[in-house]
C-alpha atoms as a PDB file:
ATOM      1  CA  MET A   1     -59.669  36.297 -48.657  1.00  0.00           C
ATOM      2  CA  ARG A   2     -56.329  37.356 -47.299  1.00  0.00           C
ATOM      3  CA  GLN A   3     -56.739  34.925 -44.445  1.00  0.00           C
ATOM      4  CA  LYS A   4     -57.411  32.113 -46.908  1.00  0.00           C
ATOM      5  CA  ILE A   5     -54.233  32.922 -48.870  1.00  0.00           C
ATOM      6  CA  LYS A   6     -52.330  33.251 -45.625  1.00  0.00           C
ATOM      7  CA  LYS A   7     -53.549  29.783 -44.541  1.00  0.00           C
ATOM      8  CA  HIS A   8     -52.483  28.330 -47.918  1.00  0.00           C
ATOM      9  CA  TYR A   9     -48.987  29.814 -47.544  1.00  0.00           C
ATOM     10  CA  ILE A  10     -48.667  28.454 -44.023  1.00  0.00           C
ATOM     11  CA  PHE A  11     -49.878  25.058 -45.234  1.00  0.00           C
ATOM     12  CA  ILE A  12     -47.393  25.074 -48.148  1.00  0.00           C
ATOM     13  CA  ILE A  13     -44.534  26.145 -45.868  1.00  0.00           C
ATOM     14  CA  LEU A  14     -45.418  23.388 -43.381  1.00  0.00           C
ATOM     15  CA  MET A  15     -45.549  20.819 -46.187  1.00  0.00           C
ATOM     16  CA  LEU A  16     -42.128  21.964 -47.445  1.00  0.00           C
ATOM     17  CA  LEU A  17     -40.684  21.680 -43.941  1.00  0.00           C
ATOM     18  CA  VAL A  18     -42.135  18.182 -43.532  1.00  0.00           C
ATOM     19  CA  THR A  19     -40.748  17.165 -46.932  1.00  0.00           C
ATOM     20  CA  VAL A  20     -37.300  18.557 -46.136  1.00  0.00           C
ATOM     21  CA  VAL A  21     -37.240  16.717 -42.788  1.00  0.00           C
ATOM     22  CA  ALA A  22     -38.428  13.469 -44.411  1.00  0.00           C
ATOM     23  CA  VAL A  23     -35.810  13.640 -47.176  1.00  0.00           C
ATOM     24  CA  ASP A  24     -33.089  14.476 -44.674  1.00  0.00           C
ATOM     25  CA  ALA A  25     -34.122  11.585 -42.409  1.00  0.00           C
ATOM     26  CA  SER A  26     -34.012   9.145 -45.320  1.00  0.00           C
ATOM     27  CA  ASN A  27     -30.381  10.136 -45.981  1.00  0.00           C
ATOM     28  CA  ILE A  28     -29.243   9.008 -42.506  1.00  0.00           C
ATOM     29  CA  SER A  29     -27.015   5.984 -43.062  1.00  0.00           C
ATOM     30  CA  PHE A  30     -27.068   3.071 -40.676  1.00  0.00           C
ATOM     31  CA  GLY A  31     -24.618   1.151 -42.819  1.00  0.00           C
ATOM     32  CA  GLN A  32     -24.791  -2.322 -44.225  1.00  0.00           C
ATOM     33  CA  PRO A  33     -24.991  -5.205 -41.756  1.00  0.00           C
ATOM     34  CA  GLY A  34     -21.479  -6.257 -40.732  1.00  0.00           C
ATOM     35  CA  SER A  35     -19.859  -3.022 -41.852  1.00  0.00           C
ATOM     36  CA  SER A  36     -18.024  -0.628 -39.561  1.00  0.00           C
ATOM     37  CA  ASP A  37     -21.026   1.737 -39.749  1.00  0.00           C
ATOM     38  CA  ASP A  38     -23.424  -0.916 -38.478  1.00  0.00           C
ATOM     39  CA  PRO A  39     -24.336  -0.216 -34.832  1.00  0.00           C
ATOM     40  CA  LEU A  40     -25.475  -3.818 -34.220  1.00  0.00           C
ATOM     41  CA  VAL A  41     -23.359  -6.964 -34.374  1.00  0.00           C
ATOM     42  CA  THR A  42     -24.756 -10.271 -35.543  1.00  0.00           C
ATOM     43  CA  ILE A  43     -23.775 -13.686 -34.254  1.00  0.00           C
ATOM     44  CA  SER A  44     -22.336 -14.584 -37.652  1.00  0.00           C
ATOM     45  CA  TYR A  45     -20.038 -11.545 -37.469  1.00  0.00           C
ATOM     46  CA  VAL A  46     -18.792 -12.574 -34.029  1.00  0.00           C
ATOM     47  CA  GLU A  47     -18.265 -16.185 -35.136  1.00  0.00           C
ATOM     48  CA  LYS A  48     -16.341 -14.981 -38.189  1.00  0.00           C
ATOM     49  CA  ARG A  49     -14.053 -12.878 -35.970  1.00  0.00           C
ATOM     50  CA  ILE A  50     -13.496 -15.803 -33.591  1.00  0.00           C
ATOM     51  CA  GLU A  51     -12.487 -18.029 -36.512  1.00  0.00           C
ATOM     52  CA  GLN A  52     -10.060 -15.348 -37.703  1.00  0.00           C
ATOM     53  CA  LEU A  53      -8.563 -15.142 -34.204  1.00  0.00           C
ATOM     54  CA  LYS A  54      -8.220 -18.954 -33.999  1.00  0.00           C
ATOM     55  CA  TYR A  55      -6.483 -18.991 -37.365  1.00  0.00           C
ATOM     56  CA  TYR A  56      -4.119 -16.224 -36.226  1.00  0.00           C
ATOM     57  CA  ILE A  57      -3.238 -18.097 -33.019  1.00  0.00           C
ATOM     58  CA  ASP A  58      -2.726 -21.365 -34.905  1.00  0.00           C
ATOM     59  CA  GLU A  59      -0.411 -19.598 -37.344  1.00  0.00           C
ATOM     60  CA  LYS A  60       1.625 -18.039 -34.533  1.00  0.00           C
ATOM     61  CA  LEU A  61       1.907 -21.167 -32.407  1.00  0.00           C
ATOM     62  CA  GLY A  62       1.595 -23.874 -35.029  1.00  0.00           C
ATOM     63  CA  GLY A  63       3.281 -24.066 -38.373  1.00  0.00           C
ATOM     64  CA  GLY A  64       3.683 -20.344 -38.791  1.00  0.00           C
ATOM     65  CA  GLY A  65       7.420 -20.379 -38.193  1.00  0.00           C
ATOM     66  CA  THR A  66       7.382 -20.325 -34.389  1.00  0.00           C
ATOM     67  CA  SER A  67      10.215 -22.456 -33.050  1.00  0.00           C
ATOM     68  CA  ASN A  68       9.941 -24.867 -30.159  1.00  0.00           C
ATOM     69  CA  THR A  69      12.284 -22.677 -28.119  1.00  0.00           C
ATOM     70  CA  GLU A  70       9.989 -19.693 -28.583  1.00  0.00           C
ATOM     71  CA  ILE A  71       6.972 -21.777 -27.564  1.00  0.00           C
ATOM     72  CA  GLN A  72       8.920 -22.995 -24.516  1.00  0.00           C
ATOM     73  CA  ARG A  73       9.814 -19.384 -23.646  1.00  0.00           C
ATOM     74  CA  LEU A  74       6.141 -18.398 -23.858  1.00  0.00           C
ATOM     75  CA  ILE A  75       5.199 -21.292 -21.591  1.00  0.00           C
ATOM     76  CA  GLU A  76       7.875 -20.276 -19.060  1.00  0.00           C
ATOM     77  CA  GLU A  77       6.696 -16.655 -19.119  1.00  0.00           C
ATOM     78  CA  ASN A  78       3.162 -17.881 -18.531  1.00  0.00           C
ATOM     79  CA  GLU A  79       4.332 -19.922 -15.528  1.00  0.00           C
ATOM     80  CA  ILE A  80       6.184 -16.898 -14.117  1.00  0.00           C
ATOM     81  CA  LEU A  81       3.047 -14.773 -14.490  1.00  0.00           C
ATOM     82  CA  LYS A  82       0.945 -17.458 -12.807  1.00  0.00           C
ATOM     83  CA  LYS A  83       3.389 -17.546  -9.898  1.00  0.00           C
ATOM     84  CA  GLN A  84       3.361 -13.753  -9.558  1.00  0.00           C
ATOM     85  CA  VAL A  85      -0.454 -13.705  -9.578  1.00  0.00           C
ATOM     86  CA  GLY A  86      -0.421 -16.449  -6.944  1.00  0.00           C
ATOM     87  CA  GLN A  87       1.973 -14.396  -4.840  1.00  0.00           C
ATOM     88  CA  LEU A  88      -0.264 -11.368  -5.079  1.00  0.00           C
ATOM     89  CA  MET A  89      -3.334 -13.390  -4.190  1.00  0.00           C
ATOM     90  CA  THR A  90      -1.764 -15.104  -1.170  1.00  0.00           C
ATOM     91  CA  THR A  91      -0.245 -11.931   0.176  1.00  0.00           C
ATOM     92  CA  SER A  92      -2.676 -10.420   2.627  1.00  0.00           C
ATOM     93  CA  SER A  93      -4.668  -7.493   1.362  1.00  0.00           C
ATOM     94  CA  GLY A  94      -2.905  -4.155   1.607  1.00  0.00           C
ATOM     95  CA  GLY A  95       0.447  -5.768   2.435  1.00  0.00           C
ATOM     96  CA  GLY A  96      -0.592  -6.332   6.040  1.00  0.00           C
ATOM     97  CA  LEU A  97       0.926  -8.630   8.606  1.00  0.00           C
ATOM     98  CA  GLU A  98      -0.152 -12.242   9.057  1.00  0.00           C
ATOM     99  CA  ILE A  99       0.282 -14.543  12.026  1.00  0.00           C
ATOM    100  CA  VAL A 100       1.620 -17.945  10.941  1.00  0.00           C
ATOM    101  CA  GLU A 101       1.988 -20.922  13.274  1.00  0.00           C
ATOM    102  CA  LEU A 102       4.220 -23.872  12.329  1.00  0.00           C
ATOM    103  CA  ARG A 103       4.578 -27.272  13.996  1.00  0.00           C
ATOM    104  CA  ASN A 104       6.475 -30.554  13.711  1.00  0.00           C
ATOM    105  CA  GLY A 105       8.987 -30.009  10.915  1.00  0.00           C
ATOM    106  CA  GLN A 106       6.959 -27.583   8.816  1.00  0.00           C
ATOM    107  CA  LYS A 107       8.778 -25.068   6.633  1.00  0.00           C
ATOM    108  CA  LEU A 108       7.935 -21.479   5.818  1.00  0.00           C
ATOM    109  CA  ILE A 109       9.293 -20.893   2.291  1.00  0.00           C
ATOM    110  CA  CYS A 110       9.209 -17.212   1.344  1.00  0.00           C
ATOM    111  CA  GLY A 111       9.244 -15.104  -1.783  1.00  0.00           C
ATOM    112  CA  ALA A 112      11.528 -12.181  -2.521  1.00  0.00           C
ATOM    113  CA  GLY A 113      10.955  -9.231  -0.196  1.00  0.00           C
ATOM    114  CA  THR A 114       9.050 -11.187   2.442  1.00  0.00           C
ATOM    115  CA  GLU A 115       9.572 -10.037   6.027  1.00  0.00           C
ATOM    116  CA  ILE A 116       9.555 -12.495   8.953  1.00  0.00           C
ATOM    117  CA  ILE A 117       9.602 -11.971  12.731  1.00  0.00           C
ATOM    118  CA  LEU A 118       9.832 -14.944  15.105  1.00  0.00           C
ATOM    119  CA  ARG A 119       7.482 -14.184  18.035  1.00  0.00           C
ATOM    120  CA  GLY A 120       7.628 -17.458  19.928  1.00  0.00           C
ATOM    121  CA  GLY A 121       9.150 -20.924  19.830  1.00  0.00           C
ATOM    122  CA  ALA A 122      12.284 -21.882  17.931  1.00  0.00           C
ATOM    123  CA  ALA A 123      13.190 -22.022  14.243  1.00  0.00           C
ATOM    124  CA  LYS A 124      16.223 -22.371  12.006  1.00  0.00           C
ATOM    125  CA  ALA A 125      17.219 -20.710   8.744  1.00  0.00           C
ATOM    126  CA  ILE A 126      16.791 -22.268   5.314  1.00  0.00           C
ATOM    127  CA  VAL A 127      19.212 -20.675   2.850  1.00  0.00           C
ATOM    128  CA  SER A 128      20.169 -21.085  -0.794  1.00  0.00           C
ATOM    129  CA  SER A 129      23.461 -21.290  -2.652  1.00  0.00           C
ATOM    130  CA  LEU A 130      23.196 -17.520  -3.213  1.00  0.00           C
ATOM    131  CA  GLY A 131      23.086 -16.610   0.456  1.00  0.00           C
ATOM    132  CA  GLY A 132      21.103 -16.596   3.657  1.00  0.00           C
ATOM    133  CA  LEU A 133      18.404 -14.568   5.357  1.00  0.00           C
ATOM    134  CA  SER A 134      19.084 -10.894   6.077  1.00  0.00           C
ATOM    135  CA  ASP A 135      18.728 -10.165   9.777  1.00  0.00           C
ATOM    136  CA  LEU A 136      17.920  -6.460   9.608  1.00  0.00           C
ATOM    137  CA  THR A 137      17.777  -6.072  13.386  1.00  0.00           C
ATOM    138  CA  GLY A 138      21.130  -7.723  14.062  1.00  0.00           C
ATOM    139  CA  GLY A 139      22.796  -6.509  10.872  1.00  0.00           C
ATOM    140  CA  THR A 140      23.932 -10.017   9.921  1.00  0.00           C
ATOM    141  CA  ASP A 141      23.310 -12.695   7.321  1.00  0.00           C
ATOM    142  CA  LEU A 142      21.865 -15.891   8.809  1.00  0.00           C
ATOM    143  CA  VAL A 143      23.469 -19.081   7.468  1.00  0.00           C
ATOM    144  CA  ALA A 144      22.043 -22.597   7.039  1.00  0.00           C
ATOM    145  CA  ASN A 145      20.532 -24.098  10.200  1.00  0.00           C
ATOM    146  CA  GLN A 146      21.358 -21.021  12.262  1.00  0.00           C
ATOM    147  CA  ALA A 147      18.827 -20.350  15.029  1.00  0.00           C
ATOM    148  CA  ILE A 148      16.432 -17.513  14.251  1.00  0.00           C
ATOM    149  CA  PRO A 149      16.651 -14.828  16.945  1.00  0.00           C
ATOM    150  CA  ALA A 150      13.323 -13.895  18.536  1.00  0.00           C
ATOM    151  CA  ASN A 151      11.824 -10.514  17.640  1.00  0.00           C
ATOM    152  CA  HIS A 152      14.383  -9.807  14.876  1.00  0.00           C
ATOM    153  CA  LEU A 153      13.149  -8.535  11.523  1.00  0.00           C
ATOM    154  CA  LEU A 154      14.325 -10.893   8.779  1.00  0.00           C
ATOM    155  CA  LEU A 155      14.183 -10.148   5.063  1.00  0.00           C
ATOM    156  CA  VAL A 156      14.203 -12.751   2.298  1.00  0.00           C
ATOM    157  CA  PRO A 157      16.169 -11.139  -0.553  1.00  0.00           C
ATOM    158  CA  ARG A 158      15.340 -13.571  -3.387  1.00  0.00           C
ATOM    159  CA  ASP A 159      12.662 -16.006  -4.455  1.00  0.00           C
ATOM    160  CA  ASP A 160      14.948 -19.054  -4.386  1.00  0.00           C
ATOM    161  CA  GLY A 161      13.597 -21.327  -1.657  1.00  0.00           C
ATOM    162  CA  ARG A 162      14.830 -19.456   1.425  1.00  0.00           C
ATOM    163  CA  GLY A 163      12.840 -19.437   4.623  1.00  0.00           C
ATOM    164  CA  VAL A 164      12.692 -21.100   8.028  1.00  0.00           C
ATOM    165  CA  TYR A 165      11.855 -24.520   9.438  1.00  0.00           C
ATOM    166  CA  VAL A 166      10.499 -25.544  12.801  1.00  0.00           C
ATOM    167  CA  GLU A 167      11.204 -28.758  14.695  1.00  0.00           C
ATOM    168  CA  ASN A 168       8.474 -28.439  17.359  1.00  0.00           C
ATOM    169  CA  TYR A 169       6.508 -25.155  17.375  1.00  0.00           C
ATOM    170  CA  ALA A 170       6.966 -21.522  16.399  1.00  0.00           C
ATOM    171  CA  ILE A 171       4.794 -18.514  15.705  1.00  0.00           C
ATOM    172  CA  PHE A 172       5.758 -15.832  13.186  1.00  0.00           C
ATOM    173  CA  ILE A 173       4.589 -12.465  11.959  1.00  0.00           C
ATOM    174  CA  VAL A 174       4.912 -12.474   8.157  1.00  0.00           C
ATOM    175  CA  ARG A 175       4.470  -9.767   5.541  1.00  0.00           C
ATOM    176  CA  GLY A 176       4.719 -10.893   1.917  1.00  0.00           C
ATOM    177  CA  TYR A 177       4.456 -14.091  -0.078  1.00  0.00           C
ATOM    178  CA  TYR A 178       5.030 -17.428   1.643  1.00  0.00           C
ATOM    179  CA  GLU A 179       4.154 -21.099   1.455  1.00  0.00           C
ATOM    180  CA  VAL A 180       3.866 -23.514   4.342  1.00  0.00           C
ATOM    181  CA  ARG A 181       5.284 -26.938   3.455  1.00  0.00           C
END
């Protein structure tokens, strides 16, 4: 008889435990759909957020008080960023050296900080109104149309159209941003 009562108590205790666990599990909140407690996102929620973002952008760029000069400034900043990304992408990986060959009137137009070494052939300096090319080996500033000395390290100090041009043929070692025109 004691074993029967003992079994009833164990059964009652197990039932209480199951009830407590079931009640506790029903209190777990997953949140209403679309709320911050909802772990899933619906397509309608995403579309609603996209529309809010479009409205925000239209307000900032459109009739929301943004002047034409501010829009122009944003466009110019965007162009500057595009140019900087282009410079990073055309610069060889890891800032390494590149061999560049020019022929028949081609120009090597360089960005700020670009290093150039003439290894063969002949070339002349392209300068700007702000100055020439820094000849780090010779300790001089090369002026317009001055012959580039072979095996001298040249530095382009600004991104203002400076570089070198070649009448017939020349080969350079270049580190940094450049364009061949």
